[in-house]
Amino acid sequence: RDAKAVHLKLDELLRAIRGARTNMVDLEDLP
């Protein structure tokens, strides 16, 4: 639950910051 909340918070930061690489949102799914 804590990890999911942290991921969502970081996703929101990536979405909100202009120039951030939004492809970083799903890093945990990468090989």
All heavy atoms as atom14 arrays in JSON, in Angstrom:
{
  "sequence": "RDAKAVHLKLDELLRAIRGARTNMVDLEDLP",
  "atom14_mask": [
    [1, 1, 1, 1, 1, 1, 1, 1, 1, 1, 1, 0, 0, 0],
    [1, 1, 1, 1, 1, 1, 1, 1, 0, 0, 0, 0, 0, 0],
    [1, 1, 1, 1, 1, 0, 0, 0, 0, 0, 0, 0, 0, 0],
    [1, 1, 1, 1, 1, 1, 1, 1, 1, 0, 0, 0, 0, 0],
    [1, 1, 1, 1, 1, 0, 0, 0, 0, 0, 0, 0, 0, 0],
    [1, 1, 1, 1, 1, 1, 1, 0, 0, 0, 0, 0, 0, 0],
    [1, 1, 1, 1, 1, 1, 1, 1, 1, 1, 0, 0, 0, 0],
    [1, 1, 1, 1, 1, 1, 1, 1, 0, 0, 0, 0, 0, 0],
    [1, 1, 1, 1, 1, 1, 1, 1, 1, 0, 0, 0, 0, 0],
    [1, 1, 1, 1, 1, 1, 1, 1, 0, 0, 0, 0, 0, 0],
    [1, 1, 1, 1, 1, 1, 1, 1, 0, 0, 0, 0, 0, 0],
    [1, 1, 1, 1, 1, 1, 1, 1, 1, 0, 0, 0, 0, 0],
    [1, 1, 1, 1, 1, 1, 1, 1, 0, 0, 0, 0, 0, 0],
    [1, 1, 1, 1, 1, 1, 1, 1, 0, 0, 0, 0, 0, 0],
    [1, 1, 1, 1, 1, 1, 1, 1, 1, 1, 1, 0, 0, 0],
    [1, 1, 1, 1, 1, 0, 0, 0, 0, 0, 0, 0, 0, 0],
    [1, 1, 1, 1, 1, 1, 1, 1, 0, 0, 0, 0, 0, 0],
    [1, 1, 1, 1, 1, 1, 1, 1, 1, 1, 1, 0, 0, 0],
    [1, 1, 1, 1, 0, 0, 0, 0, 0, 0, 0, 0, 0, 0],
    [1, 1, 1, 1, 1, 0, 0, 0, 0, 0, 0, 0, 0, 0],
    [1, 1, 1, 1, 1, 1, 1, 1, 1, 1, 1, 0, 0, 0],
    [1, 1, 1, 1, 1, 1, 1, 0, 0, 0, 0, 0, 0, 0],
    [1, 1, 1, 1, 1, 1, 1, 1, 0, 0, 0, 0, 0, 0],
    [1, 1, 1, 1, 1, 1, 1, 1, 0, 0, 0, 0, 0, 0],
    [1, 1, 1, 1, 1, 1, 1, 0, 0, 0, 0, 0, 0, 0],
    [1, 1, 1, 1, 1, 1, 1, 1, 0, 0, 0, 0, 0, 0],
    [1, 1, 1, 1, 1, 1, 1, 1, 0, 0, 0, 0, 0, 0],
    [1, 1, 1, 1, 1, 1, 1, 1, 1, 0, 0, 0, 0, 0],
    [1, 1, 1, 1, 1, 1, 1, 1, 0, 0, 0, 0, 0, 0],
    [1, 1, 1, 1, 1, 1, 1, 1, 0, 0, 0, 0, 0, 0],
    [1, 1, 1, 1, 1, 1, 1, 0, 0, 0, 0, 0, 0, 0]
  ],
  "atom14_positions": [
    [[0.83, -1.2, 0.0], [0.0, 0.0, 0.0], [0.87, 1.26, 0.0], [0.62, 2.21, -0.75], [-0.91, -0.02, 1.22], [-1.86, 1.13, 1.28], [-2.85, 0.92, 2.43], [-3.62, 2.11, 2.69], [-4.63, 2.53, 1.96], [-4.99, 1.84, 0.9], [-5.28, 3.63, 2.27], [0.0, 0.0, 0.0], [0.0, 0.0, 0.0], [0.0, 0.0, 0.0]],
    [[1.91, 1.28, 0.84], [2.8, 2.43, 0.89], [3.53, 2.63, -0.44], [3.66, 3.76, -0.92], [3.82, 2.28, 2.02], [3.2, 2.42, 3.4], [2.03, 2.87, 3.5], [3.87, 2.07, 4.39], [0.0, 0.0, 0.0], [0.0, 0.0, 0.0], [0.0, 0.0, 0.0], [0.0, 0.0, 0.0], [0.0, 0.0, 0.0], [0.0, 0.0, 0.0]],
    [[3.99, 1.55, -1.03], [4.69, 1.65, -2.32], [3.76, 2.19, -3.4], [4.16, 3.03, -4.21], [5.25, 0.29, -2.73], [0.0, 0.0, 0.0], [0.0, 0.0, 0.0], [0.0, 0.0, 0.0], [0.0, 0.0, 0.0], [0.0, 0.0, 0.0], [0.0, 0.0, 0.0], [0.0, 0.0, 0.0], [0.0, 0.0, 0.0], [0.0, 0.0, 0.0]],
    [[2.53, 1.73, -3.4], [1.56, 2.21, -4.38], [1.31, 3.7, -4.2], [1.27, 4.46, -5.18], [0.25, 1.43, -4.25], [-0.75, 1.75, -5.33], [-1.96, 0.83, -5.23], [-2.88, 1.03, -6.41], [-3.99, 0.07, -6.39], [0.0, 0.0, 0.0], [0.0, 0.0, 0.0], [0.0, 0.0, 0.0], [0.0, 0.0, 0.0], [0.0, 0.0, 0.0]],
    [[1.17, 4.14, -2.95], [0.95, 5.56, -2.68], [2.15, 6.39, -3.13], [1.98, 7.46, -3.74], [0.67, 5.78, -1.2], [0.0, 0.0, 0.0], [0.0, 0.0, 0.0], [0.0, 0.0, 0.0], [0.0, 0.0, 0.0], [0.0, 0.0, 0.0], [0.0, 0.0, 0.0], [0.0, 0.0, 0.0], [0.0, 0.0, 0.0], [0.0, 0.0, 0.0]],
    [[3.35, 5.92, -2.87], [4.56, 6.64, -3.29], [4.62, 6.72, -4.81], [4.92, 7.77, -5.38], [5.83, 5.99, -2.72], [7.09, 6.53, -3.37], [5.9, 6.2, -1.21], [0.0, 0.0, 0.0], [0.0, 0.0, 0.0], [0.0, 0.0, 0.0], [0.0, 0.0, 0.0], [0.0, 0.0, 0.0], [0.0, 0.0, 0.0], [0.0, 0.0, 0.0]],
    [[4.32, 5.62, -5.49], [4.31, 5.62, -6.96], [3.31, 6.64, -7.49], [3.62, 7.38, -8.43], [3.96, 4.23, -7.51], [5.1, 3.28, -7.48], [6.08, 3.27, -8.43], [5.42, 2.3, -6.6], [6.96, 2.33, -8.15], [6.57, 1.73, -7.04], [0.0, 0.0, 0.0], [0.0, 0.0, 0.0], [0.0, 0.0, 0.0], [0.0, 0.0, 0.0]],
    [[2.14, 6.68, -6.91], [1.12, 7.63, -7.37], [1.57, 9.08, -7.14], [1.35, 9.94, -7.99], [-0.21, 7.35, -6.69], [-0.88, 6.04, -7.11], [-2.08, 5.73, -6.2], [-1.28, 6.07, -8.57], [0.0, 0.0, 0.0], [0.0, 0.0, 0.0], [0.0, 0.0, 0.0], [0.0, 0.0, 0.0], [0.0, 0.0, 0.0], [0.0, 0.0, 0.0]],
    [[2.2, 9.33, -6.01], [2.69, 10.68, -5.73], [3.79, 11.07, -6.73], [3.8, 12.19, -7.25], [3.23, 10.77, -4.3], [2.15, 10.7, -3.25], [2.76, 10.65, -1.86], [1.7, 10.46, -0.8], [2.28, 10.38, 0.55], [0.0, 0.0, 0.0], [0.0, 0.0, 0.0], [0.0, 0.0, 0.0], [0.0, 0.0, 0.0], [0.0, 0.0, 0.0]],
    [[4.69, 10.15, -7.0], [5.76, 10.43, -7.96], [5.19, 10.61, -9.37], [5.65, 11.47, -10.12], [6.8, 9.32, -7.93], [7.64, 9.24, -6.66], [8.52, 8.01, -6.68], [8.47, 10.5, -6.48], [0.0, 0.0, 0.0], [0.0, 0.0, 0.0], [0.0, 0.0, 0.0], [0.0, 0.0, 0.0], [0.0, 0.0, 0.0], [0.0, 0.0, 0.0]],
    [[4.2, 9.78, -9.72], [3.56, 9.93, -11.02], [2.94, 11.31, -11.16], [3.05, 11.95, -12.21], [2.48, 8.86, -11.22], [3.05, 7.46, -11.37], [4.28, 7.32, -11.49], [2.25, 6.5, -11.35], [0.0, 0.0, 0.0], [0.0, 0.0, 0.0], [0.0, 0.0, 0.0], [0.0, 0.0, 0.0], [0.0, 0.0, 0.0], [0.0, 0.0, 0.0]],
    [[2.31, 11.78, -10.1], [1.69, 13.11, -10.13], [2.77, 14.19, -10.3], [2.59, 15.14, -11.05], [0.89, 13.36, -8.84], [0.34, 14.76, -8.71], [-0.63, 15.18, -9.82], [-1.09, 14.32, -10.6], [-0.91, 16.39, -9.92], [0.0, 0.0, 0.0], [0.0, 0.0, 0.0], [0.0, 0.0, 0.0], [0.0, 0.0, 0.0], [0.0, 0.0, 0.0]],
    [[3.91, 14.03, -9.63], [5.0, 15.01, -9.78], [5.52, 15.0, -11.21], [5.78, 16.06, -11.79], [6.12, 14.71, -8.79], [5.82, 15.01, -7.34], [6.95, 14.52, -6.45], [5.58, 16.5, -7.13], [0.0, 0.0, 0.0], [0.0, 0.0, 0.0], [0.0, 0.0, 0.0], [0.0, 0.0, 0.0], [0.0, 0.0, 0.0], [0.0, 0.0, 0.0]],
    [[5.7, 13.82, -11.78], [6.17, 13.74, -13.16], [5.18, 14.41, -14.11], [5.56, 15.09, -15.05], [6.36, 12.28, -13.58], [7.61, 11.59, -13.05], [7.57, 10.11, -13.38], [8.86, 12.23, -13.61], [0.0, 0.0, 0.0], [0.0, 0.0, 0.0], [0.0, 0.0, 0.0], [0.0, 0.0, 0.0], [0.0, 0.0, 0.0], [0.0, 0.0, 0.0]],
    [[3.9, 14.2, -13.85], [2.87, 14.79, -14.69], [2.86, 16.32, -14.56], [2.67, 17.04, -15.52], [1.5, 14.24, -14.31], [0.38, 14.68, -15.23], [-0.98, 14.47, -14.61], [-1.2, 15.24, -13.4], [-1.47, 16.55, -13.35], [-1.51, 17.26, -14.46], [-1.68, 17.17, -12.21], [0.0, 0.0, 0.0], [0.0, 0.0, 0.0], [0.0, 0.0, 0.0]],
    [[3.13, 16.81, -13.37], [2.99, 18.24, -13.1], [4.22, 19.06, -13.51], [4.1, 20.26, -13.76], [2.73, 18.46, -11.61], [0.0, 0.0, 0.0], [0.0, 0.0, 0.0], [0.0, 0.0, 0.0], [0.0, 0.0, 0.0], [0.0, 0.0, 0.0], [0.0, 0.0, 0.0], [0.0, 0.0, 0.0], [0.0, 0.0, 0.0], [0.0, 0.0, 0.0]],
    [[5.37, 18.44, -13.62], [6.6, 19.18, -13.91], [6.83, 19.21, -15.42], [6.98, 18.17, -16.06], [7.81, 18.56, -13.19], [7.61, 18.66, -11.69], [9.1, 19.23, -13.62], [8.66, 17.92, -10.88], [0.0, 0.0, 0.0], [0.0, 0.0, 0.0], [0.0, 0.0, 0.0], [0.0, 0.0, 0.0], [0.0, 0.0, 0.0], [0.0, 0.0, 0.0]],
    [[6.86, 20.42, -15.95], [7.09, 20.61, -17.38], [8.51, 20.11, -17.71], [9.46, 20.4, -17.01], [6.97, 22.07, -17.75], [7.03, 22.34, -19.24], [6.98, 23.81, -19.57], [6.06, 24.59, -18.76], [4.81, 24.9, -19.12], [4.35, 24.48, -20.27], [4.05, 25.62, -18.34], [0.0, 0.0, 0.0], [0.0, 0.0, 0.0], [0.0, 0.0, 0.0]],
    [[8.63, 19.33, -18.73], [9.93, 18.82, -19.16], [10.31, 17.49, -18.52], [11.3, 16.89, -18.9], [0.0, 0.0, 0.0], [0.0, 0.0, 0.0], [0.0, 0.0, 0.0], [0.0, 0.0, 0.0], [0.0, 0.0, 0.0], [0.0, 0.0, 0.0], [0.0, 0.0, 0.0], [0.0, 0.0, 0.0], [0.0, 0.0, 0.0], [0.0, 0.0, 0.0]],
    [[9.52, 17.04, -17.55], [9.81, 15.75, -16.93], [9.51, 14.64, -17.93], [8.61, 14.76, -18.77], [8.96, 15.56, -15.67], [0.0, 0.0, 0.0], [0.0, 0.0, 0.0], [0.0, 0.0, 0.0], [0.0, 0.0, 0.0], [0.0, 0.0, 0.0], [0.0, 0.0, 0.0], [0.0, 0.0, 0.0], [0.0, 0.0, 0.0], [0.0, 0.0, 0.0]],
    [[10.28, 13.59, -17.85], [10.07, 12.46, -18.75], [8.94, 11.59, -18.2], [9.15, 10.8, -17.29], [11.35, 11.66, -18.91], [12.45, 12.46, -19.6], [13.66, 11.63, -19.83], [14.38, 11.46, -18.57], [15.49, 10.75, -18.46], [15.99, 10.11, -19.5], [16.1, 10.65, -17.3], [0.0, 0.0, 0.0], [0.0, 0.0, 0.0], [0.0, 0.0, 0.0]],
    [[7.77, 11.74, -18.75], [6.61, 11.01, -18.25], [6.7, 9.52, -18.54], [5.95, 8.73, -17.96], [5.3, 11.57, -18.82], [5.38, 11.56, -20.23], [5.04, 12.98, -18.32], [0.0, 0.0, 0.0], [0.0, 0.0, 0.0], [0.0, 0.0, 0.0], [0.0, 0.0, 0.0], [0.0, 0.0, 0.0], [0.0, 0.0, 0.0], [0.0, 0.0, 0.0]],
    [[7.61, 9.11, -19.39], [7.8, 7.68, -19.62], [8.42, 6.99, -18.41], [8.51, 5.77, -18.36], [8.63, 7.42, -20.88], [10.03, 7.97, -20.79], [10.3, 8.91, -20.03], [10.94, 7.42, -21.56], [0.0, 0.0, 0.0], [0.0, 0.0, 0.0], [0.0, 0.0, 0.0], [0.0, 0.0, 0.0], [0.0, 0.0, 0.0], [0.0, 0.0, 0.0]],
    [[8.82, 7.77, -17.41], [9.38, 7.21, -16.18], [8.27, 6.68, -15.26], [8.55, 6.0, -14.29], [10.16, 8.28, -15.4], [11.36, 8.8, -16.11], [12.6, 7.51, -16.1], [14.0, 8.39, -16.69], [0.0, 0.0, 0.0], [0.0, 0.0, 0.0], [0.0, 0.0, 0.0], [0.0, 0.0, 0.0], [0.0, 0.0, 0.0], [0.0, 0.0, 0.0]],
    [[7.02, 6.97, -15.58], [5.9, 6.6, -14.72], [5.85, 5.09, -14.47], [5.59, 4.65, -13.37], [4.57, 7.11, -15.32], [3.38, 6.51, -14.62], [4.51, 8.62, -15.24], [0.0, 0.0, 0.0], [0.0, 0.0, 0.0], [0.0, 0.0, 0.0], [0.0, 0.0, 0.0], [0.0, 0.0, 0.0], [0.0, 0.0, 0.0], [0.0, 0.0, 0.0]],
    [[6.12, 4.29, -15.48], [5.98, 2.83, -15.35], [7.31, 2.11, -15.25], [7.42, 0.95, -15.67], [5.19, 2.28, -16.55], [3.76, 2.78, -16.57], [3.2, 2.98, -15.48], [3.2, 2.96, -17.66], [0.0, 0.0, 0.0], [0.0, 0.0, 0.0], [0.0, 0.0, 0.0], [0.0, 0.0, 0.0], [0.0, 0.0, 0.0], [0.0, 0.0, 0.0]],
    [[8.31, 2.71, -14.66], [9.62, 2.08, -14.56], [9.58, 0.72, -13.88], [10.31, -0.2, -14.24], [10.6, 2.98, -13.8], [11.2, 4.15, -14.54], [12.15, 4.93, -13.64], [11.92, 3.71, -15.79], [0.0, 0.0, 0.0], [0.0, 0.0, 0.0], [0.0, 0.0, 0.0], [0.0, 0.0, 0.0], [0.0, 0.0, 0.0], [0.0, 0.0, 0.0]],
    [[8.72, 0.58, -12.87], [8.67, -0.69, -12.13], [8.22, -1.85, -13.0], [8.42, -3.02, -12.65], [7.77, -0.57, -10.9], [6.32, -0.32, -11.19], [5.97, 1.14, -11.36], [6.86, 2.01, -11.41], [4.77, 1.43, -11.47], [0.0, 0.0, 0.0], [0.0, 0.0, 0.0], [0.0, 0.0, 0.0], [0.0, 0.0, 0.0], [0.0, 0.0, 0.0]],
    [[7.64, -1.56, -14.17], [7.19, -2.61, -15.08], [8.25, -3.03, -16.09], [8.04, -3.99, -16.84], [5.93, -2.16, -15.83], [4.76, -1.94, -14.89], [4.71, -2.6, -13.83], [3.89, -1.1, -15.2], [0.0, 0.0, 0.0], [0.0, 0.0, 0.0], [0.0, 0.0, 0.0], [0.0, 0.0, 0.0], [0.0, 0.0, 0.0], [0.0, 0.0, 0.0]],
    [[9.38, -2.31, -16.12], [10.44, -2.63, -17.09], [11.17, -3.91, -16.69], [11.27, -4.25, -15.51], [11.47, -1.5, -17.14], [11.04, -0.17, -17.75], [12.19, 0.84, -17.66], [10.6, -0.34, -19.18], [0.0, 0.0, 0.0], [0.0, 0.0, 0.0], [0.0, 0.0, 0.0], [0.0, 0.0, 0.0], [0.0, 0.0, 0.0], [0.0, 0.0, 0.0]],
    [[11.72, -4.62, -17.69], [12.58, -5.77, -17.38], [13.82, -5.28, -16.62], [14.21, -4.11, -16.72], [12.97, -6.31, -18.76], [12.01, -5.71, -19.72], [11.52, -4.44, -19.12], [0.0, 0.0, 0.0], [0.0, 0.0, 0.0], [0.0, 0.0, 0.0], [0.0, 0.0, 0.0], [0.0, 0.0, 0.0], [0.0, 0.0, 0.0], [0.0, 0.0, 0.0]]
  ]
}
